[in-house]
Amino acid sequence: MKINDLRMIIDEREKKSGIPDLLRAVGVNIELKNLPVGDYIVAPETIVERKSIQDFISSVFDGRLFDQCNRLKEHFEHPIILMEGNVDQIEELTENPLVFYGAISSVVLDFKIPIIPTPNASHTAKLLIAMCTRQENKKGPFLKKIKKSDDLQKQQLSVLCSLPGVGEKLATRMLERFGSPTNTLKASYSELSKIKGMGESRALKIRKMLDAENKLKKKVDQKTLHDI
């Protein structure tokens, strides 16, 4: 398949990344849309969620990552997460790299979604083109009617599943015991360790992750002092 025959639908918010311009420059036919799920539809059943290293880590802490994984799996047969940037940044962005690698393990093993690293936008564009060339034998509509999830329980479970070592069953038990994600996140080590299947070691990891001050805050504080 020639590059001029390739078609890709891209989320409007990806314009600032520069990747749509790179794709258009080499002849890929792109359409910019407001996508409710993912960032790049490269084939009818293949969608790519692009994340920078920093955004990946942020999405772990704010609970977005696993909610996005649920929605990607719900609507597309072949979802992919593309992680762009220098992995060495992990040490600068979080004091506990195990949280980062724990999240990657959950995405790959629990959600069965592959994570592909790229160093920069140029390489991301090349990878997207390579994926798009495989669409020739794929049939079906590129765009689907996808509504944002309004299932409150699913959203709450997704937030708790972002905690280290917590799957859907354990997240359900946490909600049953504490009633809400807010109460769960406030629970002490002792309270967490009493949940069936939690264990003291996992409860300790969760409390350490929640209580650790992130380096991003330190950078903001330093910038604020500098501005003063």
Protein backbone atom coordinates (compact mmCIF):
# COMPACT_ATOMS: atom_id res chain seq x y z
CA MET A 1 0.00 0.00 0.00
CA LYS A 2 1.34 3.44 -0.96
CA ILE A 3 1.58 6.17 1.67
CA ASN A 4 -0.79 8.34 -0.36
CA ASP A 5 -3.43 5.63 0.06
CA LEU A 6 -3.14 5.57 3.84
CA ARG A 7 -5.94 7.01 5.96
CA MET A 8 -5.74 7.90 9.64
CA ILE A 9 -8.17 9.60 12.00
CA ILE A 10 -6.51 11.69 14.70
CA ASP A 11 -7.81 13.36 17.83
CA GLU A 12 -7.86 17.18 17.56
CA ARG A 13 -5.80 17.53 20.74
CA GLU A 14 -2.86 15.80 19.06
CA LYS A 15 -2.22 18.82 16.81
CA LYS A 16 0.09 20.39 19.38
CA SER A 17 2.31 17.29 19.35
CA GLY A 18 3.34 18.04 15.75
CA ILE A 19 2.71 14.44 14.71
CA PRO A 20 -0.29 15.20 12.43
CA ASP A 21 1.89 17.66 10.49
CA LEU A 22 4.63 15.03 10.14
CA LEU A 23 2.13 12.51 8.80
CA ARG A 24 0.54 14.99 6.41
CA ALA A 25 3.97 16.03 5.11
CA VAL A 26 4.75 12.52 3.87
CA GLY A 27 1.36 12.11 2.21
CA VAL A 28 -0.82 10.33 4.77
CA ASN A 29 -4.49 11.29 4.48
CA ILE A 30 -5.46 12.47 7.96
CA GLU A 31 -8.76 13.58 9.43
CA LEU A 32 -8.85 15.53 12.69
CA LYS A 33 -11.82 14.70 14.91
CA ASN A 34 -12.79 14.93 18.56
CA LEU A 35 -12.25 11.30 19.51
CA PRO A 36 -13.94 10.12 22.72
CA VAL A 37 -11.44 7.25 22.96
CA GLY A 38 -7.75 7.12 21.99
CA ASP A 39 -5.67 9.42 19.80
CA TYR A 40 -5.00 7.67 16.45
CA ILE A 41 -7.29 5.28 14.59
CA VAL A 42 -4.94 3.55 12.16
CA ALA A 43 -7.35 0.78 11.09
CA PRO A 44 -11.02 -0.02 11.79
CA GLU A 45 -10.19 -2.08 14.89
CA THR A 46 -6.77 -0.62 15.76
CA ILE A 47 -6.51 2.48 17.94
CA VAL A 48 -3.46 4.06 19.53
CA GLU A 49 -3.37 6.03 22.77
CA ARG A 50 -0.22 8.18 22.75
CA LYS A 51 1.27 9.22 26.07
CA SER A 52 4.43 11.05 26.98
CA ILE A 53 6.37 9.54 29.89
CA GLN A 54 5.16 12.36 32.14
CA ASP A 55 1.53 11.96 31.08
CA PHE A 56 1.73 8.20 31.60
CA ILE A 57 2.89 8.68 35.19
CA SER A 58 0.32 11.42 35.83
CA SER A 59 -2.46 9.19 34.48
CA VAL A 60 -1.45 6.46 36.94
CA PHE A 61 -1.74 8.78 39.93
CA ASP A 62 -5.00 10.46 38.91
CA GLY A 63 -6.72 7.21 37.90
CA ARG A 64 -7.11 8.00 34.19
CA LEU A 65 -4.90 5.22 32.87
CA PHE A 66 -7.00 2.19 33.76
CA ASP A 67 -10.25 3.92 32.88
CA GLN A 68 -8.76 4.62 29.44
CA CYS A 69 -7.65 0.98 29.16
CA ASN A 70 -11.17 -0.21 29.95
CA ARG A 71 -12.65 2.03 27.27
CA LEU A 72 -10.04 1.13 24.67
CA LYS A 73 -10.73 -2.58 25.20
CA GLU A 74 -14.46 -2.02 25.22
CA HIS A 75 -14.59 -0.38 21.80
CA PHE A 76 -11.60 -1.68 19.80
CA GLU A 77 -10.27 -5.16 19.14
CA HIS A 78 -6.63 -4.03 18.91
CA PRO A 79 -5.86 -1.13 21.27
CA ILE A 80 -2.24 -0.04 21.68
CA ILE A 81 -0.56 2.38 24.08
CA LEU A 82 2.37 4.26 22.61
CA MET A 83 4.71 5.73 25.24
CA GLU A 84 6.86 8.54 23.90
CA GLY A 85 9.99 9.99 25.46
CA ASN A 86 13.12 9.19 27.42
CA VAL A 87 12.54 6.43 29.98
CA ASP A 88 15.40 7.84 32.05
CA GLN A 89 12.96 10.62 33.03
CA ILE A 90 11.15 8.19 35.30
CA GLU A 91 13.68 8.72 38.09
CA GLU A 92 13.06 12.47 37.91
CA LEU A 93 9.26 12.27 37.79
CA THR A 94 8.55 9.81 40.58
CA GLU A 95 10.34 8.76 43.73
CA ASN A 96 9.09 5.19 43.33
CA PRO A 97 9.73 3.80 39.80
CA LEU A 98 8.03 0.56 40.87
CA VAL A 99 4.70 2.38 40.63
CA PHE A 100 5.48 3.13 36.98
CA TYR A 101 6.52 -0.44 36.19
CA GLY A 102 3.61 -1.82 38.20
CA ALA A 103 1.21 0.19 36.03
CA ILE A 104 2.90 -1.08 32.85
CA SER A 105 2.60 -4.64 34.13
CA SER A 106 -1.12 -4.16 34.80
CA VAL A 107 -1.77 -2.71 31.34
CA VAL A 108 0.09 -5.52 29.57
CA LEU A 109 -0.93 -8.48 31.73
CA ASP A 110 -4.39 -7.53 33.04
CA PHE A 111 -5.75 -5.56 30.08
CA LYS A 112 -3.69 -7.39 27.42
CA ILE A 113 -2.82 -4.03 25.80
CA PRO A 114 0.70 -3.78 24.33
CA ILE A 115 2.83 -0.77 25.25
CA ILE A 116 5.30 0.38 22.59
CA PRO A 117 8.01 2.95 23.44
CA THR A 118 9.25 5.60 21.00
CA PRO A 119 11.94 8.23 21.69
CA ASN A 120 10.27 11.21 20.00
CA ALA A 121 7.51 12.51 17.69
CA SER A 122 9.40 11.62 14.52
CA HIS A 123 9.69 7.96 15.49
CA THR A 124 6.07 7.97 16.68
CA ALA A 125 4.97 9.11 13.22
CA LYS A 126 7.00 6.34 11.57
CA LEU A 127 5.46 3.71 13.83
CA LEU A 128 1.93 4.99 13.13
CA ILE A 129 2.59 4.78 9.40
CA ALA A 130 3.86 1.19 9.77
CA MET A 131 0.68 0.26 11.66
CA CYS A 132 -1.50 2.03 9.11
CA THR A 133 -0.04 0.05 6.20
CA ARG A 134 -1.57 -3.09 7.74
CA GLN A 135 -5.14 -1.82 7.29
CA GLU A 136 -5.50 -3.08 3.70
CA ASN A 137 -7.37 -6.25 4.65
CA LYS A 138 -9.30 -4.70 7.51
CA LYS A 139 -12.95 -3.93 6.96
CA GLY A 140 -15.40 -1.84 8.93
CA PRO A 141 -16.00 1.79 9.87
CA PHE A 142 -13.13 3.84 11.24
CA LEU A 143 -15.36 5.98 13.42
CA LYS A 144 -17.73 4.43 15.91
CA LYS A 145 -20.48 5.98 17.97
CA ILE A 146 -18.79 5.98 21.35
CA LYS A 147 -20.26 7.66 24.37
CA LYS A 148 -18.30 8.56 27.47
CA SER A 149 -18.78 6.07 30.26
CA ASP A 150 -21.36 7.21 32.80
CA ASP A 151 -21.20 4.01 34.85
CA LEU A 152 -20.26 5.38 38.27
CA GLN A 153 -19.22 2.04 39.73
CA LYS A 154 -16.95 1.31 36.75
CA GLN A 155 -15.31 4.73 37.14
CA GLN A 156 -14.78 4.16 40.87
CA LEU A 157 -13.30 0.71 40.28
CA SER A 158 -10.96 2.17 37.63
CA VAL A 159 -9.63 4.70 40.13
CA LEU A 160 -8.90 2.02 42.74
CA CYS A 161 -7.42 -0.37 40.15
CA SER A 162 -4.71 2.24 39.56
CA LEU A 163 -3.29 1.43 43.00
CA PRO A 164 -0.27 -0.95 43.04
CA GLY A 165 -1.30 -4.59 43.11
CA VAL A 166 -5.04 -3.88 43.02
CA GLY A 167 -7.27 -5.66 40.51
CA GLU A 168 -11.01 -5.42 40.03
CA LYS A 169 -11.88 -8.03 42.70
CA LEU A 170 -9.79 -6.34 45.36
CA ALA A 171 -11.07 -2.89 44.32
CA THR A 172 -14.63 -4.18 44.73
CA ARG A 173 -13.85 -5.37 48.27
CA MET A 174 -12.34 -1.98 49.07
CA LEU A 175 -15.52 -0.22 47.96
CA GLU A 176 -17.64 -2.68 49.91
CA ARG A 177 -15.66 -1.92 53.07
CA PHE A 178 -15.10 1.83 52.78
CA GLY A 179 -18.04 2.93 50.61
CA SER A 180 -16.24 5.32 48.23
CA PRO A 181 -12.84 5.88 46.57
CA THR A 182 -12.26 8.94 48.80
CA ASN A 183 -12.76 6.94 51.99
CA THR A 184 -10.60 4.15 50.60
CA LEU A 185 -7.70 6.46 49.78
CA LYS A 186 -7.90 7.89 53.31
CA ALA A 187 -7.84 4.44 54.93
CA SER A 188 -4.90 3.66 57.18
CA TYR A 189 -2.39 0.87 56.62
CA SER A 190 -4.07 -1.12 59.39
CA GLU A 191 -7.53 -0.72 57.84
CA LEU A 192 -6.31 -1.65 54.36
CA SER A 193 -4.46 -4.76 55.55
CA LYS A 194 -7.71 -6.18 57.02
CA ILE A 195 -9.34 -6.45 53.59
CA LYS A 196 -9.52 -10.05 52.38
CA GLY A 197 -6.76 -10.72 49.85
CA MET A 198 -4.93 -7.46 50.56
CA GLY A 199 -2.13 -8.57 52.86
CA GLU A 200 0.22 -6.39 54.89
CA SER A 201 2.85 -6.04 52.16
CA ARG A 202 0.38 -4.77 49.54
CA ALA A 203 -1.30 -2.44 52.04
CA LEU A 204 2.11 -0.98 52.89
CA LYS A 205 2.95 -0.42 49.21
CA ILE A 206 -0.37 1.37 48.66
CA ARG A 207 0.09 3.66 51.66
CA LYS A 208 3.69 4.44 50.68
CA MET A 209 2.64 5.33 47.14
CA LEU A 210 -0.25 7.53 48.30
CA ASP A 211 1.78 9.31 50.98
CA ALA A 212 4.99 9.90 48.99
CA GLU A 213 5.45 13.49 47.84
CA ASN A 214 5.91 13.62 44.08
CA LYS A 215 8.84 15.50 42.56
CA LEU A 216 6.49 17.39 40.27
CA LYS A 217 5.27 19.36 43.29
CA LYS A 218 8.82 20.25 44.25
CA LYS A 219 9.44 21.59 40.74
CA VAL A 220 6.30 23.72 40.93
CA ASP A 221 7.32 25.05 44.37
CA GLN A 222 10.78 25.95 43.09
CA LYS A 223 9.30 27.71 40.04
CA THR A 224 6.94 29.68 42.29
CA LEU A 225 9.84 30.83 44.48
CA HIS A 226 11.82 31.77 41.39
CA ASP A 227 8.91 33.83 40.04
CA ILE A 228 8.63 35.68 43.36
